Amino acid sequence: MNTQKLITRIFLILLALATLNIAVQAILDPQAIFDNVQVQLGNLTARNSVRALYGGVNLAFGLFWLVAAFRAQRTGLTLALLYTGGFALGRILSLLLDGMPGAFAMQWLVTESVFACAAAGLLLWKKSPPKPATFPA
């Protein structure tokens, strides 16, 4: 396996594990997810929505990235860029429009930005043509 494929595989697996971690937490205890931002889920519909969006959607994406790590790396990287880049963009817009958030949101802004930049870099690396073989003189 070449270096490019191996690094991409590791990246997608790490993103999958991070996403699956959030998914499992949201499915098992939706309130715990929102305790980080001091929001109380006051009714059944709120808990249902957190389980669906943070739990179910992240579970699906995490499982997809595990498969993509071995079968569809370019597609996995594209989704990773859109997913993490979208979160980072939303957080940056909120920072500009609403002001400085707490440490939890800033930690996620950094994490999502790093993942988005890494996905973009890996996509560019995959797009670059292979270097021609050189022979010693």
N, C-alpha and C. Protein backbone atom coordinates (compact mmCIF):
# COMPACT_ATOMS: atom_id res chain seq x y z
N MET A 1 0.85 -1.18 0.00
CA MET A 1 0.00 0.00 0.00
C MET A 1 0.89 1.24 0.00
N ASN A 2 0.53 2.22 -0.83
CA ASN A 2 1.37 3.41 -0.88
C ASN A 2 1.06 4.34 0.30
N THR A 3 1.96 5.27 0.53
CA THR A 3 1.87 6.18 1.68
C THR A 3 0.60 7.02 1.64
N GLN A 4 0.25 7.50 0.48
CA GLN A 4 -0.93 8.33 0.31
C GLN A 4 -2.20 7.59 0.75
N LYS A 5 -2.37 6.37 0.32
CA LYS A 5 -3.55 5.58 0.69
C LYS A 5 -3.56 5.28 2.19
N LEU A 6 -2.39 4.98 2.74
CA LEU A 6 -2.30 4.66 4.16
C LEU A 6 -2.67 5.87 5.02
N ILE A 7 -2.14 7.03 4.69
CA ILE A 7 -2.43 8.24 5.46
C ILE A 7 -3.91 8.59 5.35
N THR A 8 -4.46 8.47 4.15
CA THR A 8 -5.89 8.74 3.96
C THR A 8 -6.73 7.75 4.76
N ARG A 9 -6.35 6.50 4.76
CA ARG A 9 -7.08 5.48 5.53
C ARG A 9 -7.07 5.82 7.02
N ILE A 10 -5.91 6.17 7.54
CA ILE A 10 -5.79 6.52 8.96
C ILE A 10 -6.65 7.74 9.28
N PHE A 11 -6.60 8.75 8.42
CA PHE A 11 -7.40 9.96 8.61
C PHE A 11 -8.89 9.62 8.67
N LEU A 12 -9.37 8.85 7.70
CA LEU A 12 -10.79 8.51 7.66
C LEU A 12 -11.21 7.67 8.85
N ILE A 13 -10.35 6.78 9.29
CA ILE A 13 -10.66 5.96 10.47
C ILE A 13 -10.73 6.84 11.73
N LEU A 14 -9.80 7.78 11.87
CA LEU A 14 -9.83 8.68 13.03
C LEU A 14 -11.09 9.54 13.02
N LEU A 15 -11.46 10.06 11.86
CA LEU A 15 -12.69 10.85 11.75
C LEU A 15 -13.90 9.98 12.07
N ALA A 16 -13.90 8.76 11.59
CA ALA A 16 -15.01 7.83 11.89
C ALA A 16 -15.12 7.59 13.38
N LEU A 17 -14.01 7.34 14.04
CA LEU A 17 -14.04 7.06 15.48
C LEU A 17 -14.53 8.27 16.27
N ALA A 18 -14.08 9.46 15.89
CA ALA A 18 -14.53 10.67 16.58
C ALA A 18 -16.04 10.86 16.39
N THR A 19 -16.50 10.65 15.18
CA THR A 19 -17.92 10.83 14.87
C THR A 19 -18.76 9.76 15.55
N LEU A 20 -18.29 8.52 15.56
CA LEU A 20 -19.01 7.44 16.22
C LEU A 20 -19.08 7.68 17.73
N ASN A 21 -18.04 8.26 18.30
CA ASN A 21 -18.04 8.58 19.73
C ASN A 21 -19.18 9.55 20.05
N ILE A 22 -19.31 10.59 19.24
CA ILE A 22 -20.39 11.56 19.44
C ILE A 22 -21.74 10.87 19.26
N ALA A 23 -21.85 10.03 18.24
CA ALA A 23 -23.10 9.34 17.96
C ALA A 23 -23.54 8.47 19.14
N VAL A 24 -22.63 7.69 19.67
CA VAL A 24 -22.97 6.80 20.78
C VAL A 24 -23.39 7.61 22.00
N GLN A 25 -22.66 8.68 22.29
CA GLN A 25 -23.02 9.52 23.43
C GLN A 25 -24.42 10.10 23.25
N ALA A 26 -24.72 10.59 22.05
CA ALA A 26 -26.02 11.21 21.79
C ALA A 26 -27.16 10.20 21.86
N ILE A 27 -26.91 9.00 21.42
CA ILE A 27 -27.94 7.96 21.46
C ILE A 27 -28.19 7.51 22.89
N LEU A 28 -27.13 7.30 23.65
CA LEU A 28 -27.27 6.80 25.02
C LEU A 28 -27.77 7.86 26.00
N ASP A 29 -27.28 9.10 25.85
CA ASP A 29 -27.65 10.16 26.81
C ASP A 29 -27.66 11.51 26.11
N PRO A 30 -28.76 11.83 25.42
CA PRO A 30 -28.83 13.07 24.66
C PRO A 30 -28.53 14.31 25.50
N GLN A 31 -28.95 14.30 26.75
CA GLN A 31 -28.72 15.47 27.59
C GLN A 31 -27.23 15.72 27.82
N ALA A 32 -26.44 14.66 27.93
CA ALA A 32 -25.00 14.81 28.16
C ALA A 32 -24.34 15.63 27.06
N ILE A 33 -24.79 15.45 25.82
CA ILE A 33 -24.24 16.23 24.70
C ILE A 33 -24.50 17.71 24.92
N PHE A 34 -25.70 18.05 25.35
CA PHE A 34 -26.07 19.45 25.50
C PHE A 34 -25.65 20.05 26.82
N ASP A 35 -25.24 19.23 27.78
CA ASP A 35 -24.69 19.77 29.02
C ASP A 35 -23.42 20.59 28.73
N ASN A 36 -22.70 20.22 27.68
CA ASN A 36 -21.47 20.95 27.31
C ASN A 36 -21.74 22.41 26.93
N VAL A 37 -22.96 22.70 26.50
CA VAL A 37 -23.29 24.07 26.09
C VAL A 37 -24.42 24.65 26.95
N GLN A 38 -24.63 24.06 28.13
CA GLN A 38 -25.61 24.52 29.11
C GLN A 38 -27.02 24.68 28.53
N VAL A 39 -27.46 23.70 27.75
CA VAL A 39 -28.82 23.69 27.20
C VAL A 39 -29.56 22.50 27.79
N GLN A 40 -30.74 22.75 28.30
CA GLN A 40 -31.56 21.68 28.86
C GLN A 40 -32.55 21.19 27.81
N LEU A 41 -32.57 19.89 27.60
CA LEU A 41 -33.55 19.28 26.70
C LEU A 41 -34.80 19.03 27.53
N GLY A 42 -35.77 19.92 27.41
CA GLY A 42 -36.90 19.92 28.32
C GLY A 42 -38.06 19.02 27.97
N ASN A 43 -37.99 18.34 26.81
CA ASN A 43 -39.13 17.50 26.47
C ASN A 43 -38.68 16.32 25.60
N LEU A 44 -39.62 15.42 25.39
CA LEU A 44 -39.35 14.20 24.64
C LEU A 44 -38.94 14.51 23.20
N THR A 45 -39.57 15.50 22.58
CA THR A 45 -39.25 15.85 21.20
C THR A 45 -37.80 16.34 21.08
N ALA A 46 -37.34 17.10 22.03
CA ALA A 46 -35.95 17.59 22.01
C ALA A 46 -34.97 16.42 22.11
N ARG A 47 -35.22 15.50 23.03
CA ARG A 47 -34.34 14.32 23.16
C ARG A 47 -34.38 13.47 21.90
N ASN A 48 -35.57 13.32 21.32
CA ASN A 48 -35.73 12.57 20.08
C ASN A 48 -34.91 13.20 18.96
N SER A 49 -34.94 14.51 18.85
CA SER A 49 -34.20 15.21 17.79
C SER A 49 -32.70 15.06 17.98
N VAL A 50 -32.22 15.14 19.20
CA VAL A 50 -30.78 14.98 19.45
C VAL A 50 -30.35 13.56 19.12
N ARG A 51 -31.15 12.58 19.52
CA ARG A 51 -30.81 11.20 19.18
C ARG A 51 -30.77 11.01 17.66
N ALA A 52 -31.68 11.64 16.95
CA ALA A 52 -31.72 11.50 15.49
C ALA A 52 -30.57 12.24 14.82
N LEU A 53 -30.40 13.52 15.14
CA LEU A 53 -29.40 14.34 14.44
C LEU A 53 -27.98 14.06 14.89
N TYR A 54 -27.73 14.16 16.19
CA TYR A 54 -26.38 13.94 16.68
C TYR A 54 -26.05 12.45 16.78
N GLY A 55 -27.06 11.64 17.04
CA GLY A 55 -26.83 10.21 17.16
C GLY A 55 -26.91 9.49 15.82
N GLY A 56 -28.09 9.47 15.24
CA GLY A 56 -28.30 8.70 14.01
C GLY A 56 -27.50 9.19 12.82
N VAL A 57 -27.50 10.50 12.59
CA VAL A 57 -26.76 11.03 11.43
C VAL A 57 -25.26 10.81 11.62
N ASN A 58 -24.75 11.09 12.80
CA ASN A 58 -23.32 10.85 13.03
C ASN A 58 -22.97 9.37 12.96
N LEU A 59 -23.86 8.51 13.41
CA LEU A 59 -23.63 7.08 13.30
C LEU A 59 -23.50 6.68 11.83
N ALA A 60 -24.40 7.18 11.00
CA ALA A 60 -24.36 6.87 9.56
C ALA A 60 -23.06 7.40 8.92
N PHE A 61 -22.70 8.65 9.23
CA PHE A 61 -21.47 9.21 8.66
C PHE A 61 -20.24 8.45 9.15
N GLY A 62 -20.21 8.15 10.45
CA GLY A 62 -19.06 7.42 10.99
C GLY A 62 -18.89 6.06 10.34
N LEU A 63 -19.98 5.34 10.17
CA LEU A 63 -19.91 4.03 9.50
C LEU A 63 -19.49 4.19 8.04
N PHE A 64 -20.00 5.24 7.38
CA PHE A 64 -19.60 5.48 6.00
C PHE A 64 -18.09 5.72 5.91
N TRP A 65 -17.54 6.54 6.83
CA TRP A 65 -16.10 6.81 6.78
C TRP A 65 -15.27 5.56 7.04
N LEU A 66 -15.77 4.66 7.86
CA LEU A 66 -15.06 3.38 8.04
C LEU A 66 -15.01 2.60 6.73
N VAL A 67 -16.12 2.53 6.04
CA VAL A 67 -16.16 1.84 4.75
C VAL A 67 -15.28 2.58 3.73
N ALA A 68 -15.41 3.90 3.69
CA ALA A 68 -14.66 4.70 2.72
C ALA A 68 -13.15 4.58 2.92
N ALA A 69 -12.72 4.36 4.13
CA ALA A 69 -11.29 4.22 4.40
C ALA A 69 -10.70 3.07 3.59
N PHE A 70 -11.51 2.07 3.28
CA PHE A 70 -11.03 0.89 2.57
C PHE A 70 -11.55 0.78 1.13
N ARG A 71 -12.63 1.48 0.81
CA ARG A 71 -13.25 1.26 -0.50
C ARG A 71 -13.49 2.51 -1.34
N ALA A 72 -13.60 3.68 -0.73
CA ALA A 72 -13.97 4.88 -1.50
C ALA A 72 -13.33 6.11 -0.86
N GLN A 73 -12.01 6.15 -0.87
CA GLN A 73 -11.31 7.20 -0.14
C GLN A 73 -11.63 8.61 -0.65
N ARG A 74 -11.65 8.81 -1.96
CA ARG A 74 -11.92 10.15 -2.49
C ARG A 74 -13.31 10.63 -2.06
N THR A 75 -14.30 9.78 -2.14
CA THR A 75 -15.65 10.13 -1.71
C THR A 75 -15.68 10.41 -0.22
N GLY A 76 -15.00 9.59 0.55
CA GLY A 76 -14.92 9.81 1.99
C GLY A 76 -14.27 11.14 2.34
N LEU A 77 -13.20 11.48 1.63
CA LEU A 77 -12.54 12.76 1.87
C LEU A 77 -13.43 13.94 1.48
N THR A 78 -14.16 13.78 0.39
CA THR A 78 -15.06 14.86 -0.04
C THR A 78 -16.14 15.10 1.01
N LEU A 79 -16.74 14.03 1.51
CA LEU A 79 -17.75 14.18 2.55
C LEU A 79 -17.12 14.76 3.82
N ALA A 80 -15.92 14.32 4.16
CA ALA A 80 -15.24 14.83 5.34
C ALA A 80 -15.01 16.34 5.22
N LEU A 81 -14.59 16.79 4.04
CA LEU A 81 -14.37 18.22 3.82
C LEU A 81 -15.68 19.00 3.96
N LEU A 82 -16.75 18.50 3.34
CA LEU A 82 -18.03 19.19 3.42
C LEU A 82 -18.59 19.20 4.84
N TYR A 83 -18.51 18.08 5.52
CA TYR A 83 -19.06 17.93 6.87
C TYR A 83 -18.30 18.81 7.87
N THR A 84 -16.99 18.63 7.95
CA THR A 84 -16.21 19.38 8.94
C THR A 84 -16.07 20.84 8.53
N GLY A 85 -15.96 21.09 7.22
CA GLY A 85 -15.88 22.46 6.75
C GLY A 85 -17.17 23.23 7.00
N GLY A 86 -18.29 22.55 6.85
CA GLY A 86 -19.58 23.17 7.13
C GLY A 86 -19.71 23.55 8.60
N PHE A 87 -19.31 22.65 9.48
CA PHE A 87 -19.31 22.97 10.91
C PHE A 87 -18.40 24.15 11.21
N ALA A 88 -17.19 24.12 10.67
CA ALA A 88 -16.23 25.20 10.93
C ALA A 88 -16.77 26.53 10.40
N LEU A 89 -17.34 26.52 9.20
CA LEU A 89 -17.90 27.75 8.63
C LEU A 89 -19.03 28.30 9.51
N GLY A 90 -19.91 27.42 9.95
CA GLY A 90 -20.99 27.85 10.83
C GLY A 90 -20.47 28.45 12.12
N ARG A 91 -19.43 27.86 12.68
CA ARG A 91 -18.86 28.39 13.93
C ARG A 91 -18.18 29.74 13.69
N ILE A 92 -17.50 29.87 12.56
CA ILE A 92 -16.84 31.15 12.25
C ILE A 92 -17.90 32.24 12.04
N LEU A 93 -18.97 31.92 11.32
CA LEU A 93 -20.04 32.90 11.13
C LEU A 93 -20.66 33.29 12.47
N SER A 94 -20.86 32.32 13.35
CA SER A 94 -21.41 32.62 14.67
C SER A 94 -20.44 33.51 15.46
N LEU A 95 -19.17 33.23 15.35
CA LEU A 95 -18.16 34.05 16.05
C LEU A 95 -18.26 35.50 15.57
N LEU A 96 -18.39 35.69 14.25
CA LEU A 96 -18.48 37.04 13.69
C LEU A 96 -19.81 37.72 14.03
N LEU A 97 -20.90 36.96 13.99
CA LEU A 97 -22.23 37.54 14.20
C LEU A 97 -22.63 37.62 15.67
N ASP A 98 -22.20 36.65 16.47
CA ASP A 98 -22.66 36.56 17.85
C ASP A 98 -21.61 36.91 18.88
N GLY A 99 -20.34 36.86 18.51
CA GLY A 99 -19.27 37.11 19.46
C GLY A 99 -18.55 35.83 19.86
N MET A 100 -17.65 35.97 20.80
CA MET A 100 -16.79 34.86 21.23
C MET A 100 -17.58 33.82 22.02
N PRO A 101 -17.58 32.57 21.53
CA PRO A 101 -18.27 31.50 22.28
C PRO A 101 -17.37 30.99 23.41
N GLY A 102 -17.89 30.02 24.12
CA GLY A 102 -17.12 29.42 25.20
C GLY A 102 -16.02 28.50 24.69
N ALA A 103 -15.25 27.98 25.63
CA ALA A 103 -14.10 27.13 25.30
C ALA A 103 -14.51 25.87 24.54
N PHE A 104 -15.65 25.30 24.89
CA PHE A 104 -16.10 24.08 24.22
C PHE A 104 -16.28 24.31 22.72
N ALA A 105 -16.96 25.40 22.35
CA ALA A 105 -17.18 25.70 20.94
C ALA A 105 -15.87 26.04 20.24
N MET A 106 -14.97 26.72 20.92
CA MET A 106 -13.69 27.07 20.30
C MET A 106 -12.84 25.82 20.08
N GLN A 107 -12.90 24.87 21.00
CA GLN A 107 -12.19 23.61 20.83
C GLN A 107 -12.70 22.89 19.58
N TRP A 108 -14.02 22.88 19.39
CA TRP A 108 -14.59 22.23 18.22
C TRP A 108 -14.29 22.99 16.94
N LEU A 109 -14.22 24.32 17.02
CA LEU A 109 -13.85 25.10 15.84
C LEU A 109 -12.45 24.70 15.37
N VAL A 110 -11.53 24.58 16.29
CA VAL A 110 -10.17 24.17 15.94
C VAL A 110 -10.17 22.74 15.39
N THR A 111 -10.84 21.84 16.07
CA THR A 111 -10.87 20.44 15.64
C THR A 111 -11.47 20.29 14.25
N GLU A 112 -12.63 20.93 14.03
CA GLU A 112 -13.29 20.83 12.73
C GLU A 112 -12.48 21.50 11.63
N SER A 113 -11.82 22.59 11.95
CA SER A 113 -10.98 23.28 10.95
C SER A 113 -9.78 22.43 10.56
N VAL A 114 -9.17 21.79 11.54
CA VAL A 114 -8.02 20.91 11.26
C VAL A 114 -8.45 19.74 10.38
N PHE A 115 -9.58 19.12 10.71
CA PHE A 115 -10.07 18.01 9.90
C PHE A 115 -10.43 18.47 8.49
N ALA A 116 -11.05 19.65 8.35
CA ALA A 116 -11.40 20.17 7.02
C ALA A 116 -10.14 20.45 6.19
N CYS A 117 -9.15 21.08 6.80
CA CYS A 117 -7.90 21.37 6.09
C CYS A 117 -7.17 20.08 5.71
N ALA A 118 -7.18 19.12 6.61
CA ALA A 118 -6.53 17.83 6.31
C ALA A 118 -7.25 17.12 5.17
N ALA A 119 -8.57 17.13 5.19
CA ALA A 119 -9.33 16.50 4.10
C ALA A 119 -9.03 17.20 2.77
N ALA A 120 -9.00 18.52 2.77
CA ALA A 120 -8.69 19.27 1.54
C ALA A 120 -7.28 18.95 1.06
N GLY A 121 -6.34 18.91 1.99
CA GLY A 121 -4.96 18.58 1.61
C GLY A 121 -4.83 17.18 1.05
N LEU A 122 -5.50 16.22 1.65
CA LEU A 122 -5.46 14.85 1.15
C LEU A 122 -6.13 14.73 -0.22
N LEU A 123 -7.21 15.48 -0.42
CA LEU A 123 -7.85 15.47 -1.74
C LEU A 123 -6.92 16.05 -2.81
N LEU A 124 -6.24 17.12 -2.48
CA LEU A 124 -5.29 17.71 -3.43
C LEU A 124 -4.13 16.75 -3.69
N TRP A 125 -3.67 16.09 -2.66
CA TRP A 125 -2.57 15.13 -2.80
C TRP A 125 -3.00 13.99 -3.72
N LYS A 126 -4.22 13.52 -3.55
CA LYS A 126 -4.73 12.43 -4.39
C LYS A 126 -4.88 12.89 -5.85
N LYS A 127 -5.15 14.18 -6.04
CA LYS A 127 -5.35 14.69 -7.38
C LYS A 127 -4.04 14.90 -8.14
N SER A 128 -2.96 15.13 -7.40
CA SER A 128 -1.68 15.40 -8.07
C SER A 128 -1.19 14.15 -8.79
N PRO A 129 -0.62 14.35 -9.99
CA PRO A 129 -0.15 13.20 -10.76
C PRO A 129 1.05 12.54 -10.06
N PRO A 130 1.18 11.23 -10.22
CA PRO A 130 2.33 10.56 -9.62
C PRO A 130 3.63 11.04 -10.25
N LYS A 131 4.66 11.07 -9.45
CA LYS A 131 5.96 11.48 -9.95
C LYS A 131 6.54 10.36 -10.82
N PRO A 132 7.16 10.74 -11.93
CA PRO A 132 7.76 9.70 -12.78
C PRO A 132 8.95 9.05 -12.08
N ALA A 133 9.13 7.80 -12.40
CA ALA A 133 10.26 7.07 -11.81
C ALA A 133 11.56 7.65 -12.34
N THR A 134 12.51 7.75 -11.45
CA THR A 134 13.84 8.22 -11.87
C THR A 134 14.82 7.09 -11.70
N PHE A 135 15.77 7.05 -12.58
CA PHE A 135 16.77 6.00 -12.53
C PHE A 135 18.12 6.60 -12.22
N PRO A 136 18.92 5.94 -11.44
CA PRO A 136 20.24 6.48 -11.13
C PRO A 136 21.09 6.55 -12.41
N ALA A 137 21.93 7.57 -12.44
CA ALA A 137 22.79 7.75 -13.61
C ALA A 137 23.91 6.73 -13.65
